[in-house]
Each structure stands twice: as C-alpha cells, then as structure tokens.
Amino acid sequence: MHWKIYYNPKCGTCRNVLEMLESEGIKPEVIEYLKNPPSVKELDAILVKAGLLPEQIIRKKEDLYTKLDLANKKYNRSEWLKILSDNPVLIERPIVVKGDRAVVARPPESVQTLINS
C-alpha cells in the first residue's frame, strides 16, 4: 500500500506523525507541501479521500488567512481549491494518505485510523 504524508519539517506534529508511521514500519512518500504544493486536482482527490470540504483544512490562524480576508468571503469548492493550491501555507498539516483514504493528522493519534485499517 502506498502512503504519503504532506509534511512541513518545521512542524512538530508533522515530525511526530512521521515518526509514528516509521515506528510501524511504514515508509511514506514525504511531500514537503510548502515547496511542492499539491495541484488543485491533487488537493481535490485528497479531500475526497478524507471526506472533507476545502474549508475544513484551512489554517485560520495563519496571517495570510486574515490578510486575504477569507473569513468574510464566500467561495465555491473550485475557488477554495485554487486558493489552497496557490497558498499552501493555509493547508492544515500533516495530511496522511493511504490508498483511497486520507486524514488530517490533528491530533497526531488520528493517523491510527489509517494504520489500523
């Protein structure tokens, strides 16, 4: 089974989740999403696998969220996907993908649902 983790090396939660996966013998493809942002299509596929809407993976405490005034605007799915792909700092992390399933691993223990399936 192919695993991926959308990862920020400066994020303690990302490092903890990667360590959890590796301790289970899982060697995921590590994608530093700030350097290599997911495309709109890739992001859409991840969200479908996670059963989430784009709005549910937005980091609302990021300065850019406030700067772009995203809280006071309405966007459709395609628009949100474009905003997130263009501004990956707004994407919640880490996201772990296993085959046709994905989770936002916050809290880190939520990755256990993928490990145990």
PDB file of N, CA and C in Angstrom:
ATOM      1  N   MET A   1       0.844  -1.181   0.000  1.00  0.00           N
ATOM      2  CA  MET A   1       0.000   0.000   0.000  1.00  0.00           C
ATOM      3  C   MET A   1       0.889   1.245   0.000  1.00  0.00           C
ATOM      4  N   HIS A   2       0.568   2.180  -0.863  1.00  0.00           N
ATOM      5  CA  HIS A   2       1.358   3.412  -0.969  1.00  0.00           C
ATOM      6  C   HIS A   2       0.862   4.459   0.035  1.00  0.00           C
ATOM      7  N   TRP A   3       1.782   4.975   0.811  1.00  0.00           N
ATOM      8  CA  TRP A   3       1.493   6.005   1.797  1.00  0.00           C
ATOM      9  C   TRP A   3       2.138   7.314   1.383  1.00  0.00           C
ATOM     10  N   LYS A   4       1.480   8.430   1.708  1.00  0.00           N
ATOM     11  CA  LYS A   4       2.037   9.765   1.505  1.00  0.00           C
ATOM     12  C   LYS A   4       1.779  10.583   2.760  1.00  0.00           C
ATOM     13  N   ILE A   5       2.708  11.482   3.052  1.00  0.00           N
ATOM     14  CA  ILE A   5       2.469  12.443   4.118  1.00  0.00           C
ATOM     15  C   ILE A   5       2.815  13.830   3.564  1.00  0.00           C
ATOM     16  N   TYR A   6       1.848  14.724   3.658  1.00  0.00           N
ATOM     17  CA  TYR A   6       2.056  16.125   3.286  1.00  0.00           C
ATOM     18  C   TYR A   6       2.600  16.781   4.542  1.00  0.00           C
ATOM     19  N   TYR A   7       3.831  17.265   4.450  1.00  0.00           N
ATOM     20  CA  TYR A   7       4.698  17.437   5.598  1.00  0.00           C
ATOM     21  C   TYR A   7       5.389  18.795   5.569  1.00  0.00           C
ATOM     22  N   ASN A   8       5.552  19.364   6.764  1.00  0.00           N
ATOM     23  CA  ASN A   8       6.356  20.570   6.948  1.00  0.00           C
ATOM     24  C   ASN A   8       7.403  20.214   7.999  1.00  0.00           C
ATOM     25  N   PRO A   9       8.689  20.201   7.626  1.00  0.00           N
ATOM     26  CA  PRO A   9       9.713  19.767   8.580  1.00  0.00           C
ATOM     27  C   PRO A   9       9.829  20.668   9.815  1.00  0.00           C
ATOM     28  N   LYS A  10       9.297  21.881   9.759  1.00  0.00           N
ATOM     29  CA  LYS A  10       9.345  22.792  10.910  1.00  0.00           C
ATOM     30  C   LYS A  10       8.197  22.545  11.898  1.00  0.00           C
ATOM     31  N   CYS A  11       7.285  21.656  11.532  1.00  0.00           N
ATOM     32  CA  CYS A  11       6.092  21.388  12.337  1.00  0.00           C
ATOM     33  C   CYS A  11       6.313  20.166  13.234  1.00  0.00           C
ATOM     34  N   GLY A  12       6.211  20.369  14.532  1.00  0.00           N
ATOM     35  CA  GLY A  12       6.381  19.281  15.476  1.00  0.00           C
ATOM     36  C   GLY A  12       5.372  18.168  15.276  1.00  0.00           C
ATOM     37  N   THR A  13       4.126  18.516  14.988  1.00  0.00           N
ATOM     38  CA  THR A  13       3.101  17.494  14.763  1.00  0.00           C
ATOM     39  C   THR A  13       3.455  16.654  13.541  1.00  0.00           C
ATOM     40  N   CYS A  14       3.937  17.300  12.483  1.00  0.00           N
ATOM     41  CA  CYS A  14       4.352  16.551  11.290  1.00  0.00           C
ATOM     42  C   CYS A  14       5.460  15.567  11.629  1.00  0.00           C
ATOM     43  N   ARG A  15       6.446  16.038  12.370  1.00  0.00           N
ATOM     44  CA  ARG A  15       7.566  15.161  12.734  1.00  0.00           C
ATOM     45  C   ARG A  15       7.078  13.995  13.589  1.00  0.00           C
ATOM     46  N   ASN A  16       6.163  14.266  14.527  1.00  0.00           N
ATOM     47  CA  ASN A  16       5.619  13.202  15.383  1.00  0.00           C
ATOM     48  C   ASN A  16       4.855  12.164  14.570  1.00  0.00           C
ATOM     49  N   VAL A  17       4.056  12.624  13.622  1.00  0.00           N
ATOM     50  CA  VAL A  17       3.266  11.696  12.812  1.00  0.00           C
ATOM     51  C   VAL A  17       4.185  10.858  11.928  1.00  0.00           C
ATOM     52  N   LEU A  18       5.189  11.482  11.332  1.00  0.00           N
ATOM     53  CA  LEU A  18       6.131  10.716  10.516  1.00  0.00           C
ATOM     54  C   LEU A  18       6.835   9.662  11.369  1.00  0.00           C
ATOM     55  N   GLU A  19       7.213  10.038  12.572  1.00  0.00           N
ATOM     56  CA  GLU A  19       7.854   9.092  13.494  1.00  0.00           C
ATOM     57  C   GLU A  19       6.899   7.944  13.841  1.00  0.00           C
ATOM     58  N   MET A  20       5.630   8.259  14.067  1.00  0.00           N
ATOM     59  CA  MET A  20       4.634   7.212  14.356  1.00  0.00           C
ATOM     60  C   MET A  20       4.545   6.229  13.196  1.00  0.00           C
ATOM     61  N   LEU A  21       4.472   6.758  11.973  1.00  0.00           N
ATOM     62  CA  LEU A  21       4.382   5.889  10.800  1.00  0.00           C
ATOM     63  C   LEU A  21       5.622   5.009  10.686  1.00  0.00           C
ATOM     64  N   GLU A  22       6.787   5.629  10.822  1.00  0.00           N
ATOM     65  CA  GLU A  22       8.034   4.874  10.688  1.00  0.00           C
ATOM     66  C   GLU A  22       8.184   3.824  11.780  1.00  0.00           C
ATOM     67  N   SER A  23       7.676   4.115  12.977  1.00  0.00           N
ATOM     68  CA  SER A  23       7.757   3.126  14.064  1.00  0.00           C
ATOM     69  C   SER A  23       6.873   1.909  13.778  1.00  0.00           C
ATOM     70  N   GLU A  24       5.913   2.078  12.874  1.00  0.00           N
ATOM     71  CA  GLU A  24       5.044   0.966  12.453  1.00  0.00           C
ATOM     72  C   GLU A  24       5.601   0.268  11.216  1.00  0.00           C
ATOM     73  N   GLY A  25       6.799   0.677  10.784  1.00  0.00           N
ATOM     74  CA  GLY A  25       7.401   0.078   9.601  1.00  0.00           C
ATOM     75  C   GLY A  25       6.898   0.667   8.295  1.00  0.00           C
ATOM     76  N   ILE A  26       6.201   1.785   8.386  1.00  0.00           N
ATOM     77  CA  ILE A  26       5.645   2.447   7.195  1.00  0.00           C
ATOM     78  C   ILE A  26       6.637   3.508   6.736  1.00  0.00           C
ATOM     79  N   LYS A  27       6.991   3.460   5.466  1.00  0.00           N
ATOM     80  CA  LYS A  27       7.905   4.442   4.890  1.00  0.00           C
ATOM     81  C   LYS A  27       7.129   5.256   3.852  1.00  0.00           C
ATOM     82  N   PRO A  28       6.460   6.315   4.299  1.00  0.00           N
ATOM     83  CA  PRO A  28       5.633   7.074   3.374  1.00  0.00           C
ATOM     84  C   PRO A  28       6.462   7.946   2.428  1.00  0.00           C
ATOM     85  N   GLU A  29       5.864   8.269   1.303  1.00  0.00           N
ATOM     86  CA  GLU A  29       6.430   9.298   0.437  1.00  0.00           C
ATOM     87  C   GLU A  29       6.229  10.621   1.181  1.00  0.00           C
ATOM     88  N   VAL A  30       7.307  11.334   1.439  1.00  0.00           N
ATOM     89  CA  VAL A  30       7.233  12.589   2.188  1.00  0.00           C
ATOM     90  C   VAL A  30       7.188  13.740   1.192  1.00  0.00           C
ATOM     91  N   ILE A  31       6.091  14.484   1.251  1.00  0.00           N
ATOM     92  CA  ILE A  31       5.904  15.613   0.347  1.00  0.00           C
ATOM     93  C   ILE A  31       5.943  16.896   1.162  1.00  0.00           C
ATOM     94  N   GLU A  32       7.001  17.668   0.965  1.00  0.00           N
ATOM     95  CA  GLU A  32       7.086  18.967   1.627  1.00  0.00           C
ATOM     96  C   GLU A  32       6.189  19.923   0.849  1.00  0.00           C
ATOM     97  N   TYR A  33       4.946  20.005   1.295  1.00  0.00           N
ATOM     98  CA  TYR A  33       3.918  20.690   0.519  1.00  0.00           C
ATOM     99  C   TYR A  33       4.131  22.199   0.390  1.00  0.00           C
ATOM    100  N   LEU A  34       4.958  22.803   1.251  1.00  0.00           N
ATOM    101  CA  LEU A  34       5.243  24.230   1.078  1.00  0.00           C
ATOM    102  C   LEU A  34       6.194  24.445  -0.105  1.00  0.00           C
ATOM    103  N   LYS A  35       7.072  23.467  -0.362  1.00  0.00           N
ATOM    104  CA  LYS A  35       7.989  23.539  -1.505  1.00  0.00           C
ATOM    105  C   LYS A  35       7.334  23.008  -2.773  1.00  0.00           C
ATOM    106  N   ASN A  36       6.485  21.999  -2.610  1.00  0.00           N
ATOM    107  CA  ASN A  36       5.808  21.335  -3.742  1.00  0.00           C
ATOM    108  C   ASN A  36       4.313  21.265  -3.463  1.00  0.00           C
ATOM    109  N   PRO A  37       3.615  22.396  -3.616  1.00  0.00           N
ATOM    110  CA  PRO A  37       2.181  22.414  -3.283  1.00  0.00           C
ATOM    111  C   PRO A  37       1.385  21.444  -4.151  1.00  0.00           C
ATOM    112  N   PRO A  38       0.356  20.844  -3.557  1.00  0.00           N
ATOM    113  CA  PRO A  38      -0.497  19.964  -4.359  1.00  0.00           C
ATOM    114  C   PRO A  38      -1.260  20.795  -5.386  1.00  0.00           C
ATOM    115  N   SER A  39      -1.468  20.205  -6.547  1.00  0.00           N
ATOM    116  CA  SER A  39      -2.272  20.868  -7.578  1.00  0.00           C
ATOM    117  C   SER A  39      -3.729  20.893  -7.113  1.00  0.00           C
ATOM    118  N   VAL A  40      -4.540  21.658  -7.796  1.00  0.00           N
ATOM    119  CA  VAL A  40      -5.971  21.698  -7.494  1.00  0.00           C
ATOM    120  C   VAL A  40      -6.556  20.287  -7.594  1.00  0.00           C
ATOM    121  N   LYS A  41      -6.192  19.570  -8.650  1.00  0.00           N
ATOM    122  CA  LYS A  41      -6.711  18.210  -8.863  1.00  0.00           C
ATOM    123  C   LYS A  41      -6.261  17.272  -7.738  1.00  0.00           C
ATOM    124  N   GLU A  42      -4.995  17.355  -7.370  1.00  0.00           N
ATOM    125  CA  GLU A  42      -4.456  16.501  -6.305  1.00  0.00           C
ATOM    126  C   GLU A  42      -5.124  16.823  -4.965  1.00  0.00           C
ATOM    127  N   LEU A  43      -5.274  18.102  -4.677  1.00  0.00           N
ATOM    128  CA  LEU A  43      -5.911  18.531  -3.434  1.00  0.00           C
ATOM    129  C   LEU A  43      -7.365  18.060  -3.381  1.00  0.00           C
ATOM    130  N   ASP A  44      -8.051  18.156  -4.502  1.00  0.00           N
ATOM    131  CA  ASP A  44      -9.440  17.704  -4.564  1.00  0.00           C
ATOM    132  C   ASP A  44      -9.518  16.207  -4.271  1.00  0.00           C
ATOM    133  N   ALA A  45      -8.606  15.434  -4.851  1.00  0.00           N
ATOM    134  CA  ALA A  45      -8.598  13.983  -4.626  1.00  0.00           C
ATOM    135  C   ALA A  45      -8.324  13.652  -3.157  1.00  0.00           C
ATOM    136  N   ILE A  46      -7.403  14.385  -2.542  1.00  0.00           N
ATOM    137  CA  ILE A  46      -7.091  14.167  -1.123  1.00  0.00           C
ATOM    138  C   ILE A  46      -8.331  14.430  -0.271  1.00  0.00           C
ATOM    139  N   LEU A  47      -9.016  15.521  -0.555  1.00  0.00           N
ATOM    140  CA  LEU A  47     -10.204  15.874   0.227  1.00  0.00           C
ATOM    141  C   LEU A  47     -11.316  14.849   0.059  1.00  0.00           C
ATOM    142  N   VAL A  48     -11.470  14.332  -1.144  1.00  0.00           N
ATOM    143  CA  VAL A  48     -12.477  13.278  -1.366  1.00  0.00           C
ATOM    144  C   VAL A  48     -12.122  12.059  -0.517  1.00  0.00           C
ATOM    145  N   LYS A  49     -10.842  11.681  -0.510  1.00  0.00           N
ATOM    146  CA  LYS A  49     -10.400  10.534   0.284  1.00  0.00           C
ATOM    147  C   LYS A  49     -10.615  10.756   1.779  1.00  0.00           C
ATOM    148  N   ALA A  50     -10.491  12.014   2.215  1.00  0.00           N
ATOM    149  CA  ALA A  50     -10.655  12.340   3.636  1.00  0.00           C
ATOM    150  C   ALA A  50     -12.110  12.627   3.998  1.00  0.00           C
ATOM    151  N   GLY A  51     -12.963  12.782   2.991  1.00  0.00           N
ATOM    152  CA  GLY A  51     -14.363  13.124   3.252  1.00  0.00           C
ATOM    153  C   GLY A  51     -14.511  14.525   3.822  1.00  0.00           C
ATOM    154  N   LEU A  52     -13.648  15.434   3.368  1.00  0.00           N
ATOM    155  CA  LEU A  52     -13.657  16.798   3.894  1.00  0.00           C
ATOM    156  C   LEU A  52     -13.907  17.820   2.791  1.00  0.00           C
ATOM    157  N   LEU A  53     -14.371  18.969   3.209  1.00  0.00           N
ATOM    158  CA  LEU A  53     -14.508  20.114   2.315  1.00  0.00           C
ATOM    159  C   LEU A  53     -13.241  20.957   2.403  1.00  0.00           C
ATOM    160  N   PRO A  54     -12.913  21.712   1.361  1.00  0.00           N
ATOM    161  CA  PRO A  54     -11.713  22.551   1.424  1.00  0.00           C
ATOM    162  C   PRO A  54     -11.677  23.457   2.655  1.00  0.00           C
ATOM    163  N   GLU A  55     -12.815  24.004   3.024  1.00  0.00           N
ATOM    164  CA  GLU A  55     -12.878  24.910   4.173  1.00  0.00           C
ATOM    165  C   GLU A  55     -12.451  24.231   5.477  1.00  0.00           C
ATOM    166  N   GLN A  56     -12.536  22.907   5.520  1.00  0.00           N
ATOM    167  CA  GLN A  56     -12.218  22.170   6.737  1.00  0.00           C
ATOM    168  C   GLN A  56     -10.726  21.933   6.939  1.00  0.00           C
ATOM    169  N   ILE A  57      -9.911  22.268   5.942  1.00  0.00           N
ATOM    170  CA  ILE A  57      -8.464  22.073   6.107  1.00  0.00           C
ATOM    171  C   ILE A  57      -7.709  23.402   6.063  1.00  0.00           C
ATOM    172  N   ILE A  58      -8.401  24.483   6.287  1.00  0.00           N
ATOM    173  CA  ILE A  58      -7.764  25.797   6.256  1.00  0.00           C
ATOM    174  C   ILE A  58      -7.222  26.153   7.629  1.00  0.00           C
ATOM    175  N   ARG A  59      -5.986  26.631   7.641  1.00  0.00           N
ATOM    176  CA  ARG A  59      -5.345  27.107   8.866  1.00  0.00           C
ATOM    177  C   ARG A  59      -5.805  28.549   9.097  1.00  0.00           C
ATOM    178  N   LYS A  60      -6.831  28.684   9.897  1.00  0.00           N
ATOM    179  CA  LYS A  60      -7.448  30.001  10.105  1.00  0.00           C
ATOM    180  C   LYS A  60      -6.602  30.944  10.961  1.00  0.00           C
ATOM    181  N   LYS A  61      -5.592  30.424  11.631  1.00  0.00           N
ATOM    182  CA  LYS A  61      -4.738  31.282  12.456  1.00  0.00           C
ATOM    183  C   LYS A  61      -3.542  31.839  11.683  1.00  0.00           C
ATOM    184  N   GLU A  62      -3.405  31.437  10.431  1.00  0.00           N
ATOM    185  CA  GLU A  62      -2.318  31.971   9.605  1.00  0.00           C
ATOM    186  C   GLU A  62      -2.578  33.445   9.295  1.00  0.00           C
ATOM    187  N   ASP A  63      -1.516  34.234   9.307  1.00  0.00           N
ATOM    188  CA  ASP A  63      -1.640  35.660   8.981  1.00  0.00           C
ATOM    189  C   ASP A  63      -2.255  35.872   7.600  1.00  0.00           C
ATOM    190  N   LEU A  64      -1.905  35.006   6.657  1.00  0.00           N
ATOM    191  CA  LEU A  64      -2.421  35.141   5.300  1.00  0.00           C
ATOM    192  C   LEU A  64      -3.939  34.996   5.252  1.00  0.00           C
ATOM    193  N   TYR A  65      -4.492  34.147   6.110  1.00  0.00           N
ATOM    194  CA  TYR A  65      -5.950  33.972   6.176  1.00  0.00           C
ATOM    195  C   TYR A  65      -6.610  35.307   6.488  1.00  0.00           C
ATOM    196  N   THR A  66      -6.065  36.020   7.451  1.00  0.00           N
ATOM    197  CA  THR A  66      -6.595  37.333   7.827  1.00  0.00           C
ATOM    198  C   THR A  66      -6.314  38.352   6.730  1.00  0.00           C
ATOM    199  N   LYS A  67      -5.092  38.334   6.215  1.00  0.00           N
ATOM    200  CA  LYS A  67      -4.693  39.295   5.189  1.00  0.00           C
ATOM    201  C   LYS A  67      -5.592  39.205   3.951  1.00  0.00           C
ATOM    202  N   LEU A  68      -5.926  37.997   3.555  1.00  0.00           N
ATOM    203  CA  LEU A  68      -6.799  37.801   2.389  1.00  0.00           C
ATOM    204  C   LEU A  68      -8.283  37.954   2.728  1.00  0.00           C
ATOM    205  N   ASP A  69      -8.574  38.173   4.021  1.00  0.00           N
ATOM    206  CA  ASP A  69      -9.943  38.356   4.493  1.00  0.00           C
ATOM    207  C   ASP A  69     -10.845  37.181   4.099  1.00  0.00           C
ATOM    208  N   LEU A  70     -10.313  35.976   4.227  1.00  0.00           N
ATOM    209  CA  LEU A  70     -11.045  34.783   3.789  1.00  0.00           C
ATOM    210  C   LEU A  70     -12.259  34.471   4.661  1.00  0.00           C
ATOM    211  N   ALA A  71     -12.239  34.919   5.899  1.00  0.00           N
ATOM    212  CA  ALA A  71     -13.361  34.637   6.799  1.00  0.00           C
ATOM    213  C   ALA A  71     -14.639  35.344   6.355  1.00  0.00           C
ATOM    214  N   ASN A  72     -14.489  36.430   5.636  1.00  0.00           N
ATOM    215  CA  ASN A  72     -15.646  37.244   5.271  1.00  0.00           C
ATOM    216  C   ASN A  72     -16.047  37.112   3.813  1.00  0.00           C
ATOM    217  N   LYS A  73     -15.560  36.057   3.167  1.00  0.00           N
ATOM    218  CA  LYS A  73     -15.883  35.854   1.759  1.00  0.00           C
ATOM    219  C   LYS A  73     -16.435  34.456   1.556  1.00  0.00           C
ATOM    220  N   LYS A  74     -17.235  34.311   0.525  1.00  0.00           N
ATOM    221  CA  LYS A  74     -17.815  33.014   0.181  1.00  0.00           C
ATOM    222  C   LYS A  74     -17.188  32.520  -1.109  1.00  0.00           C
ATOM    223  N   TYR A  75     -16.728  31.282  -1.090  1.00  0.00           N
ATOM    224  CA  TYR A  75     -16.124  30.672  -2.265  1.00  0.00           C
ATOM    225  C   TYR A  75     -16.750  29.309  -2.502  1.00  0.00           C
ATOM    226  N   ASN A  76     -16.773  28.893  -3.767  1.00  0.00           N
ATOM    227  CA  ASN A  76     -17.227  27.534  -4.059  1.00  0.00           C
ATOM    228  C   ASN A  76     -16.033  26.588  -3.954  1.00  0.00           C
ATOM    229  N   ARG A  77     -16.271  25.311  -4.107  1.00  0.00           N
ATOM    230  CA  ARG A  77     -15.218  24.304  -3.928  1.00  0.00           C
ATOM    231  C   ARG A  77     -14.020  24.579  -4.827  1.00  0.00           C
ATOM    232  N   SER A  78     -14.266  24.847  -6.103  1.00  0.00           N
ATOM    233  CA  SER A  78     -13.167  25.090  -7.046  1.00  0.00           C
ATOM    234  C   SER A  78     -12.339  26.294  -6.637  1.00  0.00           C
ATOM    235  N   GLU A  79     -12.994  27.340  -6.187  1.00  0.00           N
ATOM    236  CA  GLU A  79     -12.275  28.541  -5.761  1.00  0.00           C
ATOM    237  C   GLU A  79     -11.422  28.273  -4.521  1.00  0.00           C
ATOM    238  N   TRP A  80     -11.983  27.546  -3.543  1.00  0.00           N
ATOM    239  CA  TRP A  80     -11.213  27.206  -2.350  1.00  0.00           C
ATOM    240  C   TRP A  80      -9.995  26.356  -2.714  1.00  0.00           C
ATOM    241  N   LEU A  81     -10.187  25.384  -3.593  1.00  0.00           N
ATOM    242  CA  LEU A  81      -9.082  24.520  -4.000  1.00  0.00           C
ATOM    243  C   LEU A  81      -7.960  25.341  -4.645  1.00  0.00           C
ATOM    244  N   LYS A  82      -8.324  26.300  -5.471  1.00  0.00           N
ATOM    245  CA  LYS A  82      -7.339  27.164  -6.123  1.00  0.00           C
ATOM    246  C   LYS A  82      -6.610  28.019  -5.082  1.00  0.00           C
ATOM    247  N   ILE A  83      -7.351  28.579  -4.139  1.00  0.00           N
ATOM    248  CA  ILE A  83      -6.742  29.394  -3.073  1.00  0.00           C
ATOM    249  C   ILE A  83      -5.738  28.559  -2.282  1.00  0.00           C
ATOM    250  N   LEU A  84      -6.122  27.343  -1.915  1.00  0.00           N
ATOM    251  CA  LEU A  84      -5.241  26.480  -1.132  1.00  0.00           C
ATOM    252  C   LEU A  84      -4.016  26.035  -1.931  1.00  0.00           C
ATOM    253  N   SER A  85      -4.217  25.691  -3.180  1.00  0.00           N
ATOM    254  CA  SER A  85      -3.091  25.270  -4.016  1.00  0.00           C
ATOM    255  C   SER A  85      -2.112  26.432  -4.232  1.00  0.00           C
ATOM    256  N   ASP A  86      -2.647  27.623  -4.404  1.00  0.00           N
ATOM    257  CA  ASP A  86      -1.805  28.808  -4.616  1.00  0.00           C
ATOM    258  C   ASP A  86      -1.145  29.298  -3.333  1.00  0.00           C
ATOM    259  N   ASN A  87      -1.718  28.951  -2.185  1.00  0.00           N
ATOM    260  CA  ASN A  87      -1.239  29.423  -0.883  1.00  0.00           C
ATOM    261  C   ASN A  87      -1.133  28.238   0.083  1.00  0.00           C
ATOM    262  N   PRO A  88      -0.187  27.336  -0.147  1.00  0.00           N
ATOM    263  CA  PRO A  88      -0.143  26.103   0.647  1.00  0.00           C
ATOM    264  C   PRO A  88       0.054  26.325   2.147  1.00  0.00           C
ATOM    265  N   VAL A  89       0.535  27.491   2.546  1.00  0.00           N
ATOM    266  CA  VAL A  89       0.685  27.771   3.981  1.00  0.00           C
ATOM    267  C   VAL A  89      -0.673  27.702   4.691  1.00  0.00           C
ATOM    268  N   LEU A  90      -1.750  27.826   3.930  1.00  0.00           N
ATOM    269  CA  LEU A  90      -3.096  27.778   4.509  1.00  0.00           C
ATOM    270  C   LEU A  90      -3.605  26.353   4.716  1.00  0.00           C
ATOM    271  N   ILE A  91      -2.881  25.357   4.212  1.00  0.00           N
ATOM    272  CA  ILE A  91      -3.331  23.963   4.317  1.00  0.00           C
ATOM    273  C   ILE A  91      -2.938  23.393   5.676  1.00  0.00           C
ATOM    274  N   GLU A  92      -3.924  22.843   6.381  1.00  0.00           N
ATOM    275  CA  GLU A  92      -3.656  22.179   7.670  1.00  0.00           C
ATOM    276  C   GLU A  92      -2.731  20.999   7.436  1.00  0.00           C
ATOM    277  N   ARG A  93      -1.922  20.714   8.423  1.00  0.00           N
ATOM    278  CA  ARG A  93      -0.926  19.661   8.299  1.00  0.00           C
ATOM    279  C   ARG A  93      -0.834  18.855   9.569  1.00  0.00           C
ATOM    280  N   PRO A  94      -0.288  17.679   9.485  1.00  0.00           N
ATOM    281  CA  PRO A  94       0.038  16.922   8.284  1.00  0.00           C
ATOM    282  C   PRO A  94      -1.196  16.214   7.739  1.00  0.00           C
ATOM    283  N   ILE A  95      -1.165  15.943   6.472  1.00  0.00           N
ATOM    284  CA  ILE A  95      -2.202  15.117   5.848  1.00  0.00           C
ATOM    285  C   ILE A  95      -1.528  13.809   5.457  1.00  0.00           C
ATOM    286  N   VAL A  96      -2.138  12.703   5.865  1.00  0.00           N
ATOM    287  CA  VAL A  96      -1.601  11.379   5.555  1.00  0.00           C
ATOM    288  C   VAL A  96      -2.587  10.662   4.643  1.00  0.00           C
ATOM    289  N   VAL A  97      -2.048  10.101   3.567  1.00  0.00           N
ATOM    290  CA  VAL A  97      -2.871   9.384   2.592  1.00  0.00           C
ATOM    291  C   VAL A  97      -2.397   7.943   2.528  1.00  0.00           C
ATOM    292  N   LYS A  98      -3.362   7.040   2.603  1.00  0.00           N
ATOM    293  CA  LYS A  98      -3.103   5.601   2.443  1.00  0.00           C
ATOM    294  C   LYS A  98      -4.119   5.091   1.431  1.00  0.00           C
ATOM    295  N   GLY A  99      -3.650   4.832   0.226  1.00  0.00           N
ATOM    296  CA  GLY A  99      -4.553   4.328  -0.807  1.00  0.00           C
ATOM    297  C   GLY A  99      -5.701   5.278  -1.068  1.00  0.00           C
ATOM    298  N   ASP A 100      -6.927   4.805  -0.813  1.00  0.00           N
ATOM    299  CA  ASP A 100      -8.109   5.630  -1.090  1.00  0.00           C
ATOM    300  C   ASP A 100      -8.655   6.319   0.153  1.00  0.00           C
ATOM    301  N   ARG A 101      -7.821   6.413   1.209  1.00  0.00           N
ATOM    302  CA  ARG A 101      -8.246   7.092   2.442  1.00  0.00           C
ATOM    303  C   ARG A 101      -7.218   8.128   2.838  1.00  0.00           C
ATOM    304  N   ALA A 102      -7.669   9.153   3.533  1.00  0.00           N
ATOM    305  CA  ALA A 102      -6.761  10.203   3.998  1.00  0.00           C
ATOM    306  C   ALA A 102      -7.290  10.793   5.293  1.00  0.00           C
ATOM    307  N   VAL A 103      -6.372  11.306   6.116  1.00  0.00           N
ATOM    308  CA  VAL A 103      -6.749  12.009   7.341  1.00  0.00           C
ATOM    309  C   VAL A 103      -5.843  13.220   7.525  1.00  0.00           C
ATOM    310  N   VAL A 104      -6.422  14.239   8.138  1.00  0.00           N
ATOM    311  CA  VAL A 104      -5.614  15.330   8.657  1.00  0.00           C
ATOM    312  C   VAL A 104      -5.219  14.861  10.049  1.00  0.00           C
ATOM    313  N   ALA A 105      -3.936  14.650  10.256  1.00  0.00           N
ATOM    314  CA  ALA A 105      -3.471  14.013  11.494  1.00  0.00           C
ATOM    315  C   ALA A 105      -3.326  15.024  12.630  1.00  0.00           C
ATOM    316  N   ARG A 106      -4.429  15.611  12.997  1.00  0.00           N
ATOM    317  CA  ARG A 106      -4.542  16.519  14.145  1.00  0.00           C
ATOM    318  C   ARG A 106      -5.765  16.082  14.914  1.00  0.00           C
ATOM    319  N   PRO A 107      -5.616  15.525  16.046  1.00  0.00           N
ATOM    320  CA  PRO A 107      -4.364  15.253  16.745  1.00  0.00           C
ATOM    321  C   PRO A 107      -3.592  14.125  16.038  1.00  0.00           C
ATOM    322  N   PRO A 108      -2.296  14.014  16.344  1.00  0.00           N
ATOM    323  CA  PRO A 108      -1.458  13.013  15.669  1.00  0.00           C
ATOM    324  C   PRO A 108      -2.023  11.592  15.756  1.00  0.00           C
ATOM    325  N   GLU A 109      -2.690  11.281  16.840  1.00  0.00           N
ATOM    326  CA  GLU A 109      -3.232   9.928  17.044  1.00  0.00           C
ATOM    327  C   GLU A 109      -4.282   9.559  15.994  1.00  0.00           C
ATOM    328  N   SER A 110      -4.849  10.551  15.321  1.00  0.00           N
ATOM    329  CA  SER A 110      -5.874  10.242  14.323  1.00  0.00           C
ATOM    330  C   SER A 110      -5.309   9.437  13.151  1.00  0.00           C
ATOM    331  N   VAL A 111      -3.985   9.440  12.980  1.00  0.00           N
ATOM    332  CA  VAL A 111      -3.390   8.633  11.925  1.00  0.00           C
ATOM    333  C   VAL A 111      -3.549   7.140  12.219  1.00  0.00           C
ATOM    334  N   GLN A 112      -3.811   6.791  13.466  1.00  0.00           N
ATOM    335  CA  GLN A 112      -4.021   5.379  13.830  1.00  0.00           C
ATOM    336  C   GLN A 112      -5.174   4.756  13.048  1.00  0.00           C
ATOM    337  N   THR A 113      -6.171   5.561  12.668  1.00  0.00           N
ATOM    338  CA  THR A 113      -7.296   5.008  11.889  1.00  0.00           C
ATOM    339  C   THR A 113      -6.805   4.450  10.563  1.00  0.00           C
ATOM    340  N   LEU A 114      -5.776   5.066   9.976  1.00  0.00           N
ATOM    341  CA  LEU A 114      -5.211   4.540   8.730  1.00  0.00           C
ATOM    342  C   LEU A 114      -4.277   3.361   8.995  1.00  0.00           C
ATOM    343  N   ILE A 115      -3.486   3.472  10.036  1.00  0.00           N
ATOM    344  CA  ILE A 115      -2.537   2.408  10.377  1.00  0.00           C
ATOM    345  C   ILE A 115      -3.293   1.113  10.670  1.00  0.00           C
ATOM    346  N   ASN A 116      -4.392   1.236  11.391  1.00  0.00           N
ATOM    347  CA  ASN A 116      -5.148   0.052  11.817  1.00  0.00           C
ATOM    348  C   ASN A 116      -6.108  -0.488  10.766  1.00  0.00           C
ATOM    349  N   SER A 117      -6.212   0.184   9.627  1.00  0.00           N
ATOM    350  CA  SER A 117      -7.178  -0.290   8.606  1.00  0.00           C
ATOM    351  C   SER A 117      -6.503  -1.092   7.521  1.00  0.00           C
TER     352      SER A 117
END
